[in-house]
C-alpha atoms as a PDB file:
ATOM      1  CA  MET A   1     268.211  10.144 -78.398  1.00  0.00           C
ATOM      2  CA  GLU A   2     266.986   9.691 -74.839  1.00  0.00           C
ATOM      3  CA  ALA A   3     266.112  12.799 -72.779  1.00  0.00           C
ATOM      4  CA  VAL A   4     268.378  13.366 -69.833  1.00  0.00           C
ATOM      5  CA  VAL A   5     266.612  14.372 -66.600  1.00  0.00           C
ATOM      6  CA  SER A   6     268.881  16.051 -64.127  1.00  0.00           C
ATOM      7  CA  THR A   7     269.033  14.553 -60.672  1.00  0.00           C
ATOM      8  CA  GLN A   8     268.843  18.065 -59.191  1.00  0.00           C
ATOM      9  CA  SER A   9     265.589  18.862 -61.068  1.00  0.00           C
ATOM     10  CA  THR A  10     263.970  15.582 -60.027  1.00  0.00           C
ATOM     11  CA  TRP A  11     264.927  16.082 -56.389  1.00  0.00           C
ATOM     12  CA  LYS A  12     263.592  19.664 -56.473  1.00  0.00           C
ATOM     13  CA  GLN A  13     260.220  18.540 -57.821  1.00  0.00           C
ATOM     14  CA  TRP A  14     259.973  15.821 -55.170  1.00  0.00           C
ATOM     15  CA  TYR A  15     260.867  18.262 -52.414  1.00  0.00           C
ATOM     16  CA  GLN A  16     258.281  20.848 -53.575  1.00  0.00           C
ATOM     17  CA  ARG A  17     255.537  18.237 -53.747  1.00  0.00           C
ATOM     18  CA  ARG A  18     256.380  16.991 -50.285  1.00  0.00           C
ATOM     19  CA  VAL A  19     256.599  20.436 -48.659  1.00  0.00           C
ATOM     20  CA  HIS A  20     253.499  21.807 -50.410  1.00  0.00           C
ATOM     21  CA  GLY A  21     251.568  18.695 -49.491  1.00  0.00           C
ATOM     22  CA  LYS A  22     252.452  19.113 -45.839  1.00  0.00           C
ATOM     23  CA  VAL A  23     251.547  22.796 -45.872  1.00  0.00           C
ATOM     24  CA  ARG A  24     248.208  22.059 -47.502  1.00  0.00           C
ATOM     25  CA  ALA A  25     247.455  19.263 -45.041  1.00  0.00           C
ATOM     26  CA  ARG A  26     248.305  21.466 -42.053  1.00  0.00           C
ATOM     27  CA  SER A  27     246.180  24.276 -43.440  1.00  0.00           C
ATOM     28  CA  GLU A  28     243.204  21.970 -43.932  1.00  0.00           C
ATOM     29  CA  ALA A  29     243.686  20.755 -40.377  1.00  0.00           C
ATOM     30  CA  GLY A  30     243.333  24.317 -39.074  1.00  0.00           C
ATOM     31  CA  TRP A  31     247.001  25.289 -38.696  1.00  0.00           C
ATOM     32  CA  GLY A  32     248.650  28.439 -39.977  1.00  0.00           C
ATOM     33  CA  PRO A  33     252.286  29.217 -40.770  1.00  0.00           C
ATOM     34  CA  PHE A  34     255.087  28.729 -38.228  1.00  0.00           C
ATOM     35  CA  GLY A  35     253.114  26.118 -36.342  1.00  0.00           C
ATOM     36  CA  LYS A  36     250.603  28.586 -34.895  1.00  0.00           C
ATOM     37  CA  PRO A  37     246.944  27.554 -34.889  1.00  0.00           C
ATOM     38  CA  LYS A  38     244.725  29.611 -37.182  1.00  0.00           C
ATOM     39  CA  ALA A  39     241.949  31.556 -35.526  1.00  0.00           C
ATOM     40  CA  VAL A  40     238.735  29.758 -36.364  1.00  0.00           C
ATOM     41  CA  THR A  41     235.653  31.930 -36.202  1.00  0.00           C
ATOM     42  CA  THR A  42     232.386  30.064 -35.796  1.00  0.00           C
ATOM     43  CA  PRO A  43     229.364  32.151 -36.729  1.00  0.00           C
ATOM     44  CA  PRO A  44     226.815  32.479 -33.934  1.00  0.00           C
ATOM     45  CA  GLN A  45     223.897  30.116 -34.175  1.00  0.00           C
ATOM     46  CA  VAL A  46     220.280  31.171 -33.951  1.00  0.00           C
ATOM     47  CA  PHE A  47     218.845  30.186 -30.563  1.00  0.00           C
ATOM     48  CA  GLN A  48     217.129  26.794 -30.821  1.00  0.00           C
ATOM     49  CA  GLY A  49     215.378  26.667 -27.452  1.00  0.00           C
ATOM     50  CA  THR A  50     211.820  27.440 -26.364  1.00  0.00           C
ATOM     51  CA  TRP A  51     209.954  29.791 -24.101  1.00  0.00           C
ATOM     52  CA  GLN A  52     210.304  29.042 -20.400  1.00  0.00           C
ATOM     53  CA  THR A  53     207.884  26.282 -19.462  1.00  0.00           C
ATOM     54  CA  ASP A  54     208.228  26.485 -15.672  1.00  0.00           C
ATOM     55  CA  HIS A  55     207.333  30.178 -15.364  1.00  0.00           C
ATOM     56  CA  PRO A  56     205.202  30.778 -12.246  1.00  0.00           C
ATOM     57  CA  GLN A  57     202.756  32.868 -14.286  1.00  0.00           C
ATOM     58  CA  ASN A  58     202.436  30.529 -17.271  1.00  0.00           C
ATOM     59  CA  SER A  59     199.261  28.756 -16.213  1.00  0.00           C
ATOM     60  CA  SER A  60     197.320  31.962 -15.652  1.00  0.00           C
ATOM     61  CA  SER A  61     198.937  34.396 -18.082  1.00  0.00           C
ATOM     62  CA  PHE A  62     200.359  32.534 -21.096  1.00  0.00           C
ATOM     63  CA  THR A  63     199.549  29.588 -23.295  1.00  0.00           C
ATOM     64  CA  LEU A  64     202.372  27.833 -25.146  1.00  0.00           C
ATOM     65  CA  SER A  65     202.084  25.922 -28.427  1.00  0.00           C
ATOM     66  CA  ASN A  66     204.150  24.905 -31.456  1.00  0.00           C
ATOM     67  CA  GLY A  67     206.545  22.882 -29.325  1.00  0.00           C
ATOM     68  CA  ASN A  68     206.623  25.694 -26.733  1.00  0.00           C
ATOM     69  CA  ARG A  69     208.032  28.112 -29.308  1.00  0.00           C
ATOM     70  CA  THR A  70     204.837  30.200 -29.612  1.00  0.00           C
ATOM     71  CA  LEU A  71     203.364  32.063 -26.664  1.00  0.00           C
ATOM     72  CA  LYS A  72     200.052  33.878 -26.367  1.00  0.00           C
ATOM     73  CA  ASN A  73     199.240  36.324 -23.610  1.00  0.00           C
ATOM     74  CA  THR A  74     195.910  35.438 -21.988  1.00  0.00           C
ATOM     75  CA  ASN A  75     196.003  38.119 -19.309  1.00  0.00           C
ATOM     76  CA  GLY A  76     195.296  41.825 -19.788  1.00  0.00           C
ATOM     77  CA  SER A  77     198.026  42.984 -17.417  1.00  0.00           C
ATOM     78  CA  TRP A  78     201.812  43.139 -17.640  1.00  0.00           C
ATOM     79  CA  LYS A  79     203.649  39.849 -17.282  1.00  0.00           C
ATOM     80  CA  THR A  80     207.180  38.937 -18.409  1.00  0.00           C
ATOM     81  CA  ILE A  81     208.298  35.629 -19.884  1.00  0.00           C
ATOM     82  CA  ARG A  82     211.825  34.649 -20.975  1.00  0.00           C
ATOM     83  CA  VAL A  83     213.339  31.984 -23.181  1.00  0.00           C
ATOM     84  CA  SER A  84     214.249  28.633 -21.697  1.00  0.00           C
ATOM     85  CA  ASP A  85     218.047  28.864 -21.494  1.00  0.00           C
ATOM     86  CA  TRP A  86     220.415  31.367 -19.932  1.00  0.00           C
ATOM     87  CA  HIS A  87     223.212  32.566 -22.194  1.00  0.00           C
ATOM     88  CA  THR A  88     226.494  32.748 -20.263  1.00  0.00           C
ATOM     89  CA  SER A  89     229.353  33.340 -22.757  1.00  0.00           C
ATOM     90  CA  GLY A  90     230.151  34.414 -26.293  1.00  0.00           C
ATOM     91  CA  ARG A  91     227.555  35.507 -28.805  1.00  0.00           C
ATOM     92  CA  VAL A  92     224.043  34.309 -29.554  1.00  0.00           C
ATOM     93  CA  ILE A  93     221.286  35.461 -31.916  1.00  0.00           C
ATOM     94  CA  TYR A  94     217.589  35.228 -31.132  1.00  0.00           C
ATOM     95  CA  ARG A  95     214.980  35.621 -33.878  1.00  0.00           C
ATOM     96  CA  LEU A  96     211.367  36.289 -32.947  1.00  0.00           C
ATOM     97  CA  ARG A  97     208.207  36.968 -34.914  1.00  0.00           C
ATOM     98  CA  LEU A  98     205.547  39.258 -33.514  1.00  0.00           C
ATOM     99  CA  ASP A  99     202.487  37.284 -34.633  1.00  0.00           C
ATOM    100  CA  SER A 100     199.887  39.555 -33.077  1.00  0.00           C
ATOM    101  CA  LEU A 101     199.720  42.720 -30.996  1.00  0.00           C
ATOM    102  CA  GLY A 102     196.454  41.499 -29.486  1.00  0.00           C
ATOM    103  CA  ASN A 103     193.939  44.114 -28.443  1.00  0.00           C
ATOM    104  CA  ILE A 104     194.904  46.963 -30.723  1.00  0.00           C
ATOM    105  CA  GLN A 105     193.700  49.564 -28.220  1.00  0.00           C
ATOM    106  CA  ASN A 106     196.113  48.314 -25.606  1.00  0.00           C
ATOM    107  CA  ALA A 107     198.924  46.900 -27.738  1.00  0.00           C
ATOM    108  CA  ASN A 108     201.819  47.814 -25.465  1.00  0.00           C
ATOM    109  CA  THR A 109     204.739  45.423 -25.833  1.00  0.00           C
ATOM    110  CA  MET A 110     208.326  45.206 -24.592  1.00  0.00           C
ATOM    111  CA  LEU A 111     211.300  43.329 -25.995  1.00  0.00           C
ATOM    112  CA  SER A 112     214.044  42.941 -23.435  1.00  0.00           C
ATOM    113  CA  VAL A 113     217.167  41.117 -22.319  1.00  0.00           C
ATOM    114  CA  VAL A 114     217.156  40.280 -18.620  1.00  0.00           C
ATOM    115  CA  GLU A 115     219.818  38.811 -16.390  1.00  0.00           C
ATOM    116  CA  LYS A 116     219.567  35.780 -14.155  1.00  0.00           C
ATOM    117  CA  THR A 117     218.803  37.809 -11.038  1.00  0.00           C
ATOM    118  CA  TYR A 118     215.661  39.306 -12.599  1.00  0.00           C
ATOM    119  CA  SER A 119     212.529  38.658 -10.547  1.00  0.00           C
ATOM    120  CA  GLY A 120     209.834  40.933 -11.974  1.00  0.00           C
ATOM    121  CA  TRP A 121     207.899  38.192 -13.768  1.00  0.00           C
ATOM    122  CA  SER A 122     204.534  39.519 -12.580  1.00  0.00           C
ATOM    123  CA  SER A 123     205.267  42.937 -14.106  1.00  0.00           C
ATOM    124  CA  ASN A 124     207.392  44.239 -16.989  1.00  0.00           C
ATOM    125  CA  PRO A 125     211.196  44.455 -17.153  1.00  0.00           C
ATOM    126  CA  GLY A 126     211.456  48.219 -17.700  1.00  0.00           C
ATOM    127  CA  GLY A 127     214.792  49.429 -16.401  1.00  0.00           C
ATOM    128  CA  GLN A 128     215.603  46.104 -14.746  1.00  0.00           C
ATOM    129  CA  GLY A 129     217.088  44.926 -18.018  1.00  0.00           C
ATOM    130  CA  TRP A 130     217.850  46.261 -21.494  1.00  0.00           C
ATOM    131  CA  THR A 131     214.409  47.102 -22.820  1.00  0.00           C
ATOM    132  CA  TRP A 132     212.774  48.466 -25.988  1.00  0.00           C
ATOM    133  CA  TYR A 133     209.162  49.497 -25.361  1.00  0.00           C
ATOM    134  CA  TYR A 134     206.527  49.900 -28.071  1.00  0.00           C
ATOM    135  CA  TYR A 135     203.700  52.159 -26.913  1.00  0.00           C
ATOM    136  CA  LYS A 136     200.665  51.992 -29.193  1.00  0.00           C
ATOM    137  CA  PRO A 137     197.734  54.177 -28.118  1.00  0.00           C
ATOM    138  CA  PRO A 138     196.989  56.774 -29.336  1.00  0.00           C
ATOM    139  CA  ASP A 139     200.234  57.201 -31.355  1.00  0.00           C
ATOM    140  CA  TYR A 140     203.140  55.016 -32.396  1.00  0.00           C
ATOM    141  CA  LYS A 141     205.835  55.650 -29.855  1.00  0.00           C
ATOM    142  CA  ARG A 142     209.274  54.280 -29.149  1.00  0.00           C
ATOM    143  CA  TYR A 143     210.564  54.328 -25.588  1.00  0.00           C
ATOM    144  CA  ILE A 144     213.931  53.038 -24.395  1.00  0.00           C
ATOM    145  CA  TYR A 145     214.330  52.459 -20.695  1.00  0.00           C
ATOM    146  CA  LYS A 146     217.545  53.516 -19.021  1.00  0.00           C
ATOM    147  CA  PRO A 147     219.554  50.273 -19.173  1.00  0.00           C
ATOM    148  CA  LYS A 148     220.495  48.386 -16.049  1.00  0.00           C
ATOM    149  CA  ASN A 149     224.096  49.156 -16.953  1.00  0.00           C
ATOM    150  CA  GLY A 150     225.986  50.212 -20.031  1.00  0.00           C
ATOM    151  CA  SER A 151     224.748  52.868 -22.447  1.00  0.00           C
ATOM    152  CA  TYR A 152     222.036  53.160 -25.070  1.00  0.00           C
ATOM    153  CA  VAL A 153     222.868  54.068 -28.688  1.00  0.00           C
ATOM    154  CA  GLY A 154     220.072  55.088 -31.053  1.00  0.00           C
ATOM    155  CA  ILE A 155     217.196  57.464 -31.702  1.00  0.00           C
ATOM    156  CA  GLY A 156     216.143  59.555 -28.737  1.00  0.00           C
ATOM    157  CA  SER A 157     217.369  59.198 -25.170  1.00  0.00           C
ATOM    158  CA  PRO A 158     216.467  56.734 -22.425  1.00  0.00           C
ATOM    159  CA  GLY A 159     213.256  57.810 -20.729  1.00  0.00           C
ATOM    160  CA  GLU A 160     212.015  59.766 -23.770  1.00  0.00           C
ATOM    161  CA  TYR A 161     208.981  58.950 -25.947  1.00  0.00           C
ATOM    162  CA  VAL A 162     209.733  59.303 -29.669  1.00  0.00           C
ATOM    163  CA  ASN A 163     206.594  59.624 -31.788  1.00  0.00           C
ATOM    164  CA  HIS A 164     207.012  58.603 -35.427  1.00  0.00           C
ATOM    165  CA  ALA A 165     205.138  56.481 -37.968  1.00  0.00           C
ATOM    166  CA  ASP A 166     208.264  54.320 -38.438  1.00  0.00           C
ATOM    167  CA  ALA A 167     208.116  53.452 -34.752  1.00  0.00           C
ATOM    168  CA  ASP A 168     204.962  51.397 -35.342  1.00  0.00           C
ATOM    169  CA  TRP A 169     205.458  47.672 -34.702  1.00  0.00           C
ATOM    170  CA  LYS A 170     203.317  45.519 -36.997  1.00  0.00           C
ATOM    171  CA  ALA A 171     201.996  41.973 -36.759  1.00  0.00           C
ATOM    172  CA  GLY A 172     204.206  39.593 -38.707  1.00  0.00           C
ATOM    173  CA  GLU A 173     207.409  41.567 -38.144  1.00  0.00           C
ATOM    174  CA  ILE A 174     210.578  39.628 -37.378  1.00  0.00           C
ATOM    175  CA  PHE A 175     213.014  40.856 -34.760  1.00  0.00           C
ATOM    176  CA  SER A 176     216.585  39.738 -34.168  1.00  0.00           C
ATOM    177  CA  VAL A 177     218.419  40.183 -30.891  1.00  0.00           C
ATOM    178  CA  THR A 178     222.183  39.698 -30.799  1.00  0.00           C
ATOM    179  CA  VAL A 179     223.803  39.360 -27.379  1.00  0.00           C
ATOM    180  CA  ASP A 180     227.610  39.388 -27.306  1.00  0.00           C
ATOM    181  CA  LEU A 181     229.017  38.919 -23.810  1.00  0.00           C
ATOM    182  CA  ASP A 182     232.621  39.100 -25.046  1.00  0.00           C
ATOM    183  CA  GLN A 183     232.191  42.446 -26.819  1.00  0.00           C
ATOM    184  CA  LYS A 184     229.610  43.511 -24.201  1.00  0.00           C
ATOM    185  CA  TYR A 185     226.771  44.700 -26.397  1.00  0.00           C
ATOM    186  CA  ILE A 186     223.143  43.969 -27.256  1.00  0.00           C
ATOM    187  CA  LEU A 187     221.700  44.777 -30.688  1.00  0.00           C
ATOM    188  CA  MET A 188     217.960  44.579 -31.329  1.00  0.00           C
ATOM    189  CA  LYS A 189     216.730  44.919 -34.913  1.00  0.00           C
ATOM    190  CA  ARG A 190     213.413  45.006 -36.738  1.00  0.00           C
ATOM    191  CA  GLU A 191     214.444  43.136 -39.854  1.00  0.00           C
ATOM    192  CA  SER A 192     211.919  44.860 -42.145  1.00  0.00           C
ATOM    193  CA  VAL A 193     212.788  48.415 -41.084  1.00  0.00           C
ATOM    194  CA  SER A 194     215.997  50.212 -42.021  1.00  0.00           C
ATOM    195  CA  GLY A 195     217.363  53.271 -40.291  1.00  0.00           C
ATOM    196  CA  GLY A 196     217.226  54.364 -36.696  1.00  0.00           C
ATOM    197  CA  HIS A 197     213.676  53.213 -35.946  1.00  0.00           C
ATOM    198  CA  GLY A 198     214.675  49.709 -36.975  1.00  0.00           C
ATOM    199  CA  GLU A 199     217.214  49.121 -34.244  1.00  0.00           C
ATOM    200  CA  CYS A 200     218.249  49.650 -30.651  1.00  0.00           C
ATOM    201  CA  ARG A 201     221.756  49.054 -29.263  1.00  0.00           C
ATOM    202  CA  PHE A 202     223.244  48.878 -25.790  1.00  0.00           C
ATOM    203  CA  ASN A 203     227.030  49.052 -25.355  1.00  0.00           C
ATOM    204  CA  GLY A 204     229.200  48.270 -22.352  1.00  0.00           C
ATOM    205  CA  ILE A 205     226.746  45.856 -20.764  1.00  0.00           C
ATOM    206  CA  ASN A 206     227.893  44.012 -17.654  1.00  0.00           C
ATOM    207  CA  PRO A 207     225.233  41.478 -16.660  1.00  0.00           C
ATOM    208  CA  GLY A 208     225.489  39.287 -13.616  1.00  0.00           C
ATOM    209  CA  GLY A 209     225.322  35.573 -14.412  1.00  0.00           C
ATOM    210  CA  GLY A 210     223.458  34.538 -17.541  1.00  0.00           C
ATOM    211  CA  VAL A 211     221.087  36.573 -19.690  1.00  0.00           C
ATOM    212  CA  ALA A 212     217.993  35.696 -21.700  1.00  0.00           C
ATOM    213  CA  VAL A 213     215.650  37.367 -24.143  1.00  0.00           C
ATOM    214  CA  ALA A 214     212.261  38.172 -22.650  1.00  0.00           C
ATOM    215  CA  VAL A 215     209.013  39.771 -23.778  1.00  0.00           C
ATOM    216  CA  ALA A 216     206.249  41.475 -21.842  1.00  0.00           C
ATOM    217  CA  CYS A 217     202.759  42.279 -23.112  1.00  0.00           C
ATOM    218  CA  SER A 218     199.811  44.102 -21.582  1.00  0.00           C
ATOM    219  CA  SER A 219     197.334  43.057 -24.274  1.00  0.00           C
ATOM    220  CA  VAL A 220     195.177  39.944 -24.378  1.00  0.00           C
ATOM    221  CA  ASN A 221     196.022  37.686 -27.358  1.00  0.00           C
ATOM    222  CA  ALA A 222     199.408  39.279 -28.047  1.00  0.00           C
ATOM    223  CA  GLN A 223     201.551  36.509 -29.519  1.00  0.00           C
ATOM    224  CA  TRP A 224     205.273  35.911 -30.167  1.00  0.00           C
ATOM    225  CA  THR A 225     207.011  32.988 -31.887  1.00  0.00           C
ATOM    226  CA  LEU A 226     210.662  31.980 -31.549  1.00  0.00           C
ATOM    227  CA  LEU A 227     212.179  31.186 -34.945  1.00  0.00           C
ATOM    228  CA  SER A 228     214.850  28.528 -35.387  1.00  0.00           C
ATOM    229  CA  ARG A 229     216.598  30.150 -38.334  1.00  0.00           C
END
């Protein structure tokens, strides 16, 4: 005896396949229910640029190598150098390796974010940006400058030296700097150190124009490398 397939059942199966297929296709194309586009979140990419190659102090104060991604300080006085590109919107992550502190008796180093109007290239950024200062001799000290704007969140207060063994920056350490111009914050992290001495955060930043990561060293042979991942 032949099986009888109801017309209603066949039509229902066809309809479900057709509707589900459309829904799946729209979803894969980036659409949500009711015709509204789904929010697509793209993770921030690690900065792929180099150190600034047209810096007025480069010829006398820095040497660049490794495709301009490694810089060495050749001058025993404060100079500031930034990355090549200005960041103007959204979020970006910079990753840097502190290859060498240079002269260990004068291993003072600053990691900073500066804005496009910054002009203190022949000195250090200090309070002209958002700056984390490592002060080496004779103790390991952390010093956060009062930010250009916004507020600092972390151990100690701006303008205060905090002396602690965990504040010691070491050659080979990797740092990450996240700048989010939409959420208006900067987060600096020592990737090998957990807890308060491993990070520094600035909230409510309001930079003018673009911003860029910068470093300043007062020690001969201090060296930083930009990492691409």
